[in-house]
Protein backbone atom coordinates (compact mmCIF):
# COMPACT_ATOMS: atom_id res chain seq x y z
CA UNK A 1 58.63 27.07 -22.15
CA UNK A 2 58.35 23.83 -20.25
CA UNK A 3 60.06 21.66 -22.55
CA UNK A 4 59.51 18.48 -20.22
CA UNK A 5 55.70 19.07 -20.02
CA UNK A 6 55.50 19.89 -23.58
CA UNK A 7 57.38 16.54 -24.68
CA UNK A 8 55.02 14.55 -22.27
CA UNK A 9 52.27 15.62 -24.35
CA UNK A 10 53.23 13.63 -27.27
CA UNK A 11 54.03 10.49 -25.23
CA UNK A 12 50.42 9.21 -25.71
CA UNK A 13 50.26 5.35 -27.10
CA UNK A 14 48.27 4.27 -29.73
CA UNK A 15 47.79 0.24 -30.41
CA UNK A 16 46.38 1.40 -34.25
CA UNK A 17 49.40 3.53 -35.17
CA UNK A 18 51.70 1.28 -33.46
CA UNK A 19 50.28 -1.96 -35.44
CA UNK A 20 50.22 -0.13 -38.40
CA UNK A 21 53.77 0.94 -38.15
CA UNK A 22 54.79 -2.52 -36.72
CA UNK A 23 52.80 -4.99 -39.04
CA UNK A 24 53.24 -2.45 -42.09
CA UNK A 25 57.08 -2.74 -41.85
CA UNK A 26 57.14 -6.46 -41.76
CA UNK A 27 54.53 -6.52 -44.72
CA UNK A 28 57.20 -4.31 -46.71
CA UNK A 29 60.04 -6.68 -45.31
CA UNK A 30 58.79 -9.75 -46.48
CA UNK A 31 57.04 -8.56 -50.09
CA UNK A 32 60.66 -6.52 -50.53
CA UNK A 33 62.52 -10.00 -49.90
CA UNK A 34 60.22 -11.84 -52.01
CA UNK A 35 60.38 -10.06 -54.57
CA UNK A 36 64.11 -9.40 -54.73
CA UNK A 37 64.72 -13.37 -54.69
CA UNK A 38 61.84 -14.06 -57.33
CA UNK A 39 63.53 -11.58 -59.75
CA UNK A 40 67.42 -12.42 -58.56
CA UNK A 41 68.13 -12.69 -62.63
CA UNK A 42 67.07 -9.01 -63.19
CA UNK A 43 69.23 -6.59 -61.36
CA UNK A 44 66.74 -3.68 -62.28
CA UNK A 45 63.98 -5.38 -60.23
CA UNK A 46 66.31 -7.48 -57.39
CA UNK A 47 68.31 -3.94 -56.67
CA UNK A 48 65.47 -1.49 -55.99
CA UNK A 49 63.68 -4.31 -54.12
CA UNK A 50 66.77 -5.12 -52.05
CA UNK A 51 67.11 -1.53 -51.08
CA UNK A 52 63.37 -1.32 -49.93
CA UNK A 53 64.15 -4.51 -47.85
CA UNK A 54 67.19 -2.80 -46.28
CA UNK A 55 65.34 0.20 -45.24
CA UNK A 56 62.77 -2.08 -44.10
CA UNK A 57 65.14 -4.05 -41.94
CA UNK A 58 66.49 -0.70 -40.58
CA UNK A 59 62.65 0.11 -39.60
CA UNK A 60 62.32 -2.83 -37.65
CA UNK A 61 65.57 -2.47 -35.72
CA UNK A 62 64.10 1.14 -34.74
CA UNK A 63 60.63 -0.25 -33.92
CA UNK A 64 62.65 -2.99 -31.70
CA UNK A 65 64.35 0.09 -29.87
CA UNK A 66 60.79 1.54 -29.33
CA UNK A 67 59.87 -1.76 -27.62
CA UNK A 68 62.86 -1.80 -25.32
CA UNK A 69 61.51 1.84 -24.23
CA UNK A 70 57.96 0.58 -24.14
CA UNK A 71 57.01 3.22 -25.81
CA UNK A 72 55.55 1.69 -29.09
CA UNK A 73 52.44 -0.32 -27.98
CA UNK A 74 50.29 0.59 -24.90
CA UNK A 75 51.11 -1.74 -22.51
CA UNK A 76 54.22 -3.38 -21.10
CA UNK A 77 53.36 -6.73 -22.03
CA UNK A 78 52.73 -6.00 -25.66
CA UNK A 79 55.89 -4.13 -25.99
CA UNK A 80 58.09 -7.26 -24.63
CA UNK A 81 56.31 -9.34 -26.93
CA UNK A 82 56.73 -7.22 -30.14
CA UNK A 83 60.39 -7.11 -29.14
CA UNK A 84 61.04 -10.38 -28.91
CA UNK A 85 59.30 -11.24 -32.14
CA UNK A 86 61.11 -8.72 -33.98
CA UNK A 87 64.65 -10.45 -32.39
CA UNK A 88 65.43 -12.51 -34.95
CA UNK A 89 64.75 -10.27 -38.00
CA UNK A 90 67.13 -7.46 -36.36
CA UNK A 91 69.77 -10.09 -35.14
CA UNK A 92 69.74 -8.08 -31.91
CA UNK A 93 68.68 -10.17 -28.64
CA UNK A 94 66.16 -8.40 -27.24
CA UNK A 95 66.65 -8.38 -23.46
CA UNK A 96 70.09 -7.74 -23.50
CA UNK A 97 69.90 -5.13 -26.08
CA UNK A 98 67.39 -3.10 -24.23
CA UNK A 99 69.21 -3.48 -21.21
CA UNK A 100 72.53 -2.31 -22.82
CA UNK A 101 70.53 0.75 -24.39
CA UNK A 102 69.14 1.64 -21.05
CA UNK A 103 72.84 1.91 -20.10
CA UNK A 104 73.39 4.05 -22.74
CA UNK A 105 70.61 6.45 -22.30
CA UNK A 106 71.69 6.92 -18.28
CA UNK A 107 75.49 7.55 -19.45
CA UNK A 108 74.79 10.09 -22.37
CA UNK A 109 77.36 12.67 -23.06
CA UNK A 110 79.12 11.30 -19.98
CA UNK A 111 82.98 11.03 -20.76
CA UNK A 112 83.67 8.75 -17.67
CA UNK A 113 81.38 6.04 -19.28
CA UNK A 114 81.90 5.81 -22.92
CA UNK A 115 81.65 2.37 -22.73
CA UNK A 116 77.87 2.69 -22.62
CA UNK A 117 77.86 4.26 -25.99
CA UNK A 118 77.59 2.33 -29.47
CA UNK A 119 80.93 4.30 -31.41
CA UNK A 120 84.04 4.92 -29.33
CA UNK A 121 85.40 8.32 -29.09
CA UNK A 122 89.00 9.14 -27.57
CA UNK A 123 89.67 12.55 -26.35
CA UNK A 124 92.60 14.64 -27.86
CA UNK A 125 94.31 14.24 -24.52
CA UNK A 126 94.04 10.64 -24.75
CA UNK A 127 95.34 10.77 -28.47
CA UNK A 128 98.41 12.48 -27.45
CA UNK A 129 99.08 9.83 -24.54
CA UNK A 130 98.34 6.64 -26.91
CA UNK A 131 101.11 4.75 -28.65
CA UNK A 132 101.77 3.73 -31.94
CA UNK A 133 99.67 0.75 -32.06
CA UNK A 134 96.69 2.40 -29.99
CA UNK A 135 96.76 5.15 -32.51
CA UNK A 136 96.71 3.04 -35.59
CA UNK A 137 93.91 0.75 -34.20
CA UNK A 138 91.83 4.00 -33.64
CA UNK A 139 92.37 5.25 -36.87
CA UNK A 140 91.65 1.98 -38.61
CA UNK A 141 88.40 2.07 -36.64
CA UNK A 142 87.12 5.60 -37.12
CA UNK A 143 87.99 5.14 -40.80
CA UNK A 144 84.31 5.48 -42.46
CA UNK A 145 85.49 2.70 -45.03
CA UNK A 146 86.22 0.36 -42.20
CA UNK A 147 83.70 1.76 -39.72
CA UNK A 148 80.42 1.38 -41.66
CA UNK A 149 80.93 -1.71 -43.73
CA UNK A 150 83.10 -3.78 -41.44
CA UNK A 151 81.67 -2.35 -38.22
CA UNK A 152 77.97 -3.41 -40.00
CA UNK A 153 79.32 -7.08 -40.61
CA UNK A 154 80.98 -7.41 -37.20
CA UNK A 155 78.18 -6.05 -35.18
CA UNK A 156 75.25 -7.47 -36.44
CA UNK A 157 76.52 -11.09 -37.51
CA UNK A 158 78.96 -11.70 -34.92
CA UNK A 159 79.11 -9.25 -32.02
CA UNK A 160 75.25 -9.74 -31.23
CA UNK A 161 75.59 -13.45 -31.16
CA UNK A 162 76.81 -12.44 -27.58
CA UNK A 163 76.66 -9.04 -26.65
CA UNK A 164 78.25 -7.23 -23.96
CA UNK A 165 76.66 -7.81 -20.89
CA UNK A 166 74.84 -11.18 -22.21
CA UNK A 167 75.86 -13.15 -18.85
CA UNK A 168 74.32 -10.07 -16.52
CA UNK A 169 71.29 -9.52 -18.47
CA UNK A 170 70.31 -13.15 -20.02
CA UNK A 171 72.44 -15.84 -21.54
CA UNK A 172 69.47 -18.26 -22.05
CA UNK A 173 67.55 -15.50 -23.92
CA UNK A 174 70.73 -15.04 -26.48
CA UNK A 175 71.20 -18.86 -27.28
CA UNK A 176 67.71 -19.10 -27.82
CA UNK A 177 67.89 -15.93 -30.18
CA UNK A 178 70.60 -17.60 -32.13
CA UNK A 179 68.93 -20.93 -32.61
CA UNK A 180 65.56 -19.02 -33.55
CA UNK A 181 67.91 -17.09 -36.39
CA UNK A 182 69.49 -20.45 -37.69
CA UNK A 183 65.86 -22.06 -37.89
CA UNK A 184 64.82 -18.89 -39.74
CA UNK A 185 67.60 -19.24 -41.96
CA UNK A 186 67.12 -22.74 -42.63
CA UNK A 187 63.46 -22.21 -43.67
CA UNK A 188 64.67 -19.69 -46.21
CA UNK A 189 67.29 -22.04 -47.70
CA UNK A 190 64.20 -24.84 -47.98
CA UNK A 191 62.00 -22.33 -49.59
CA UNK A 192 64.53 -20.32 -51.82
CA UNK A 193 67.88 -22.29 -52.18
CA UNK A 194 71.13 -20.38 -51.96
CA UNK A 195 69.80 -17.50 -54.13
CA UNK A 196 67.30 -16.78 -51.23
CA UNK A 197 70.55 -16.98 -48.75
CA UNK A 198 72.81 -14.88 -50.79
CA UNK A 199 69.74 -12.17 -51.76
CA UNK A 200 68.98 -12.03 -47.76
CA UNK A 201 72.69 -12.02 -46.46
CA UNK A 202 73.82 -8.80 -49.28
CA UNK A 203 70.97 -6.65 -48.51
CA UNK A 204 70.78 -7.18 -44.64
CA UNK A 205 74.28 -6.13 -44.94
CA UNK A 206 72.78 -2.81 -46.46
CA UNK A 207 70.78 -2.79 -44.13
CA UNK A 208 72.97 -2.74 -41.40
CA UNK A 209 75.48 -0.09 -43.05
CA UNK A 210 72.66 2.29 -43.13
CA UNK A 211 72.33 1.47 -39.78
CA UNK A 212 75.80 1.86 -38.33
CA UNK A 213 75.90 5.08 -40.47
CA UNK A 214 72.92 6.58 -38.53
CA UNK A 215 73.92 5.31 -35.10
CA UNK A 216 77.55 7.27 -35.63
CA UNK A 217 75.75 10.52 -36.52
CA UNK A 218 73.39 10.37 -33.49
CA UNK A 219 76.42 11.31 -31.22
CA UNK A 220 79.29 12.24 -33.75
CA UNK A 221 79.09 15.89 -35.20
CA UNK A 222 81.12 18.94 -34.70
CA UNK A 223 79.14 20.58 -31.52
CA UNK A 224 77.72 17.48 -29.98
CA UNK A 225 78.09 17.53 -26.10
CA UNK A 226 80.68 15.55 -23.60
CA UNK A 227 81.52 16.41 -20.26
CA UNK A 228 82.33 14.71 -16.74
CA UNK A 229 80.25 14.61 -13.21
CA UNK A 230 79.60 17.08 -11.69
CA UNK A 231 79.55 19.57 -14.52
CA UNK A 232 77.39 17.08 -16.88
CA UNK A 233 74.24 18.46 -17.86
CA UNK A 234 71.80 15.58 -18.73
CA UNK A 235 69.37 18.10 -20.40
CA UNK A 236 72.05 19.50 -22.43
CA UNK A 237 73.77 15.98 -23.26
CA UNK A 238 69.99 14.91 -24.56
CA UNK A 239 69.15 17.65 -26.89
CA UNK A 240 72.90 18.90 -28.12
CA UNK A 241 74.79 15.50 -27.32
CA UNK A 242 72.18 13.81 -30.05
CA UNK A 243 71.42 14.98 -33.66
CA UNK A 244 68.62 15.87 -35.44
CA UNK A 245 68.99 14.38 -39.00
CA UNK A 246 67.22 16.33 -41.56
CA UNK A 247 67.17 14.24 -44.74
CA UNK A 248 63.32 15.18 -45.30
CA UNK A 249 60.09 13.56 -44.37
CA UNK A 250 60.37 10.59 -46.69
CA UNK A 251 63.83 9.53 -45.09
CA UNK A 252 62.32 9.93 -41.66
CA UNK A 253 59.36 7.69 -42.39
CA UNK A 254 61.79 5.27 -43.92
CA UNK A 255 63.68 4.57 -40.60
CA UNK A 256 60.87 5.24 -37.98
CA UNK A 257 62.12 8.86 -37.12
CA UNK A 258 65.26 7.50 -35.65
CA UNK A 259 66.92 10.73 -37.33
CA UNK A 260 64.98 12.68 -34.28
CA UNK A 261 67.05 11.51 -31.87
CA UNK A 262 67.77 14.56 -29.74
CA UNK A 263 64.01 14.73 -28.92
CA UNK A 264 64.17 11.04 -28.10
CA UNK A 265 67.03 11.39 -25.94
CA UNK A 266 65.12 14.03 -23.91
CA UNK A 267 62.25 11.96 -23.49
CA UNK A 268 62.65 8.00 -24.41
CA UNK A 269 59.04 7.87 -23.79
CA UNK A 270 57.57 9.33 -27.09
CA UNK A 271 56.65 6.89 -29.77
CA UNK A 272 58.49 7.13 -33.26
CA UNK A 273 55.18 7.89 -34.58
CA UNK A 274 54.92 10.92 -32.63
CA UNK A 275 58.57 12.25 -32.54
CA UNK A 276 58.40 14.10 -35.92
CA UNK A 277 55.29 16.13 -34.82
CA UNK A 278 56.97 16.79 -31.41
CA UNK A 279 59.90 17.93 -32.55
CA UNK A 280 58.58 20.28 -35.32
CA UNK A 281 56.45 21.83 -32.78
CA UNK A 282 59.17 22.99 -30.60
CA UNK A 283 59.84 26.93 -30.64
CA UNK A 284 63.05 28.01 -32.81
CA UNK A 285 64.12 29.73 -29.82
CA UNK A 286 65.44 26.69 -28.33
CA UNK A 287 67.80 26.67 -31.00
CA UNK A 288 68.20 22.83 -31.89
CA UNK A 289 70.50 22.14 -34.75
CA UNK A 290 69.27 20.00 -37.53
CA UNK A 291 72.00 18.52 -39.67
CA UNK A 292 71.69 18.19 -43.35
CA UNK A 293 73.03 15.48 -45.29
CA UNK A 294 76.28 17.22 -46.58
CA UNK A 295 77.16 18.28 -43.25
CA UNK A 296 76.39 14.78 -41.98
CA UNK A 297 79.24 13.24 -44.51
CA UNK A 298 81.50 15.82 -43.27
CA UNK A 299 81.21 14.83 -39.61
CA UNK A 300 82.73 11.36 -40.61
CA UNK A 301 85.90 13.42 -40.53
CA UNK A 302 85.48 14.24 -36.97
CA UNK A 303 87.44 11.85 -34.85
CA UNK A 304 88.32 13.18 -31.76
CA UNK A 305 86.98 15.25 -28.55
CA UNK A 306 88.67 18.32 -27.83
CA UNK A 307 87.68 18.93 -24.16
CA UNK A 308 89.11 22.39 -24.38
CA UNK A 309 87.35 23.44 -26.98
CA UNK A 310 84.28 21.59 -26.38
CA UNK A 311 83.92 20.09 -29.79
CA UNK A 312 84.71 17.31 -31.95
CA UNK A 313 87.97 17.60 -34.04
CA UNK A 314 89.81 15.76 -36.99
CA UNK A 315 93.00 13.94 -36.15
CA UNK A 316 95.60 16.62 -35.40
CA UNK A 317 98.16 17.00 -38.39
């Protein structure tokens, strides 16, 4: 089977589907936020509305990721405009994040360029050579009770105010992006007061934690793939080094199919609304792994890449 030709058949963009996904997600985002704020004194309304808002925020982030690959709408200009509009709501400045993510794609699975990944992974050899403080820092960093909540707060509310490579890819755009966020929060305060700010903040934080959890699982599971050039195989890095999270159709829809990360890395031109169809049309003999939720939770215990065993392992005793 010519896998490259097969995936190209799913690369066609459809502005109708893209608009439904884009504007429909915005509609859910604003409706859920309004409902959570309007009923902040009734937890049984606020809580489910806030959870829907959090997932809508994650979905907006994934759609911005699509626009960065120019894979959501039909034209480059449409994707660029849509990506910039999304920026204040995802807290991710579009141009810099797009360029950083492209670096991630070009170095997927490359042990010599782990700085382009979202989650840092040490090798067993590096761990053995590390000193006490470096080990302690890495243990704290990879602890899920630190990585997910604190990682979310740091990444979305602090780090993205001045992401890596900002000077290289566009400081002016990042500064403008931050000013727009301030204006947006000022408008929210004027309309809904501190109640609105707190509801937005708490459930945006929840959305960030969902996002960090998914980002971790995209490349951190037992039989993922890392190697060094010239032995690095880009096709294996894309398909084996990226996960397919099988949490069910509804979850896929809620996060715009970012769970199907293996096929996305193999061909980033496939729109999010065609990823599921593409993945499940592949023949079983390809042997693509699908990770269920229990295995995904267990993957949080895996910390180091073992270059000899070719798998991700826990900390040594």
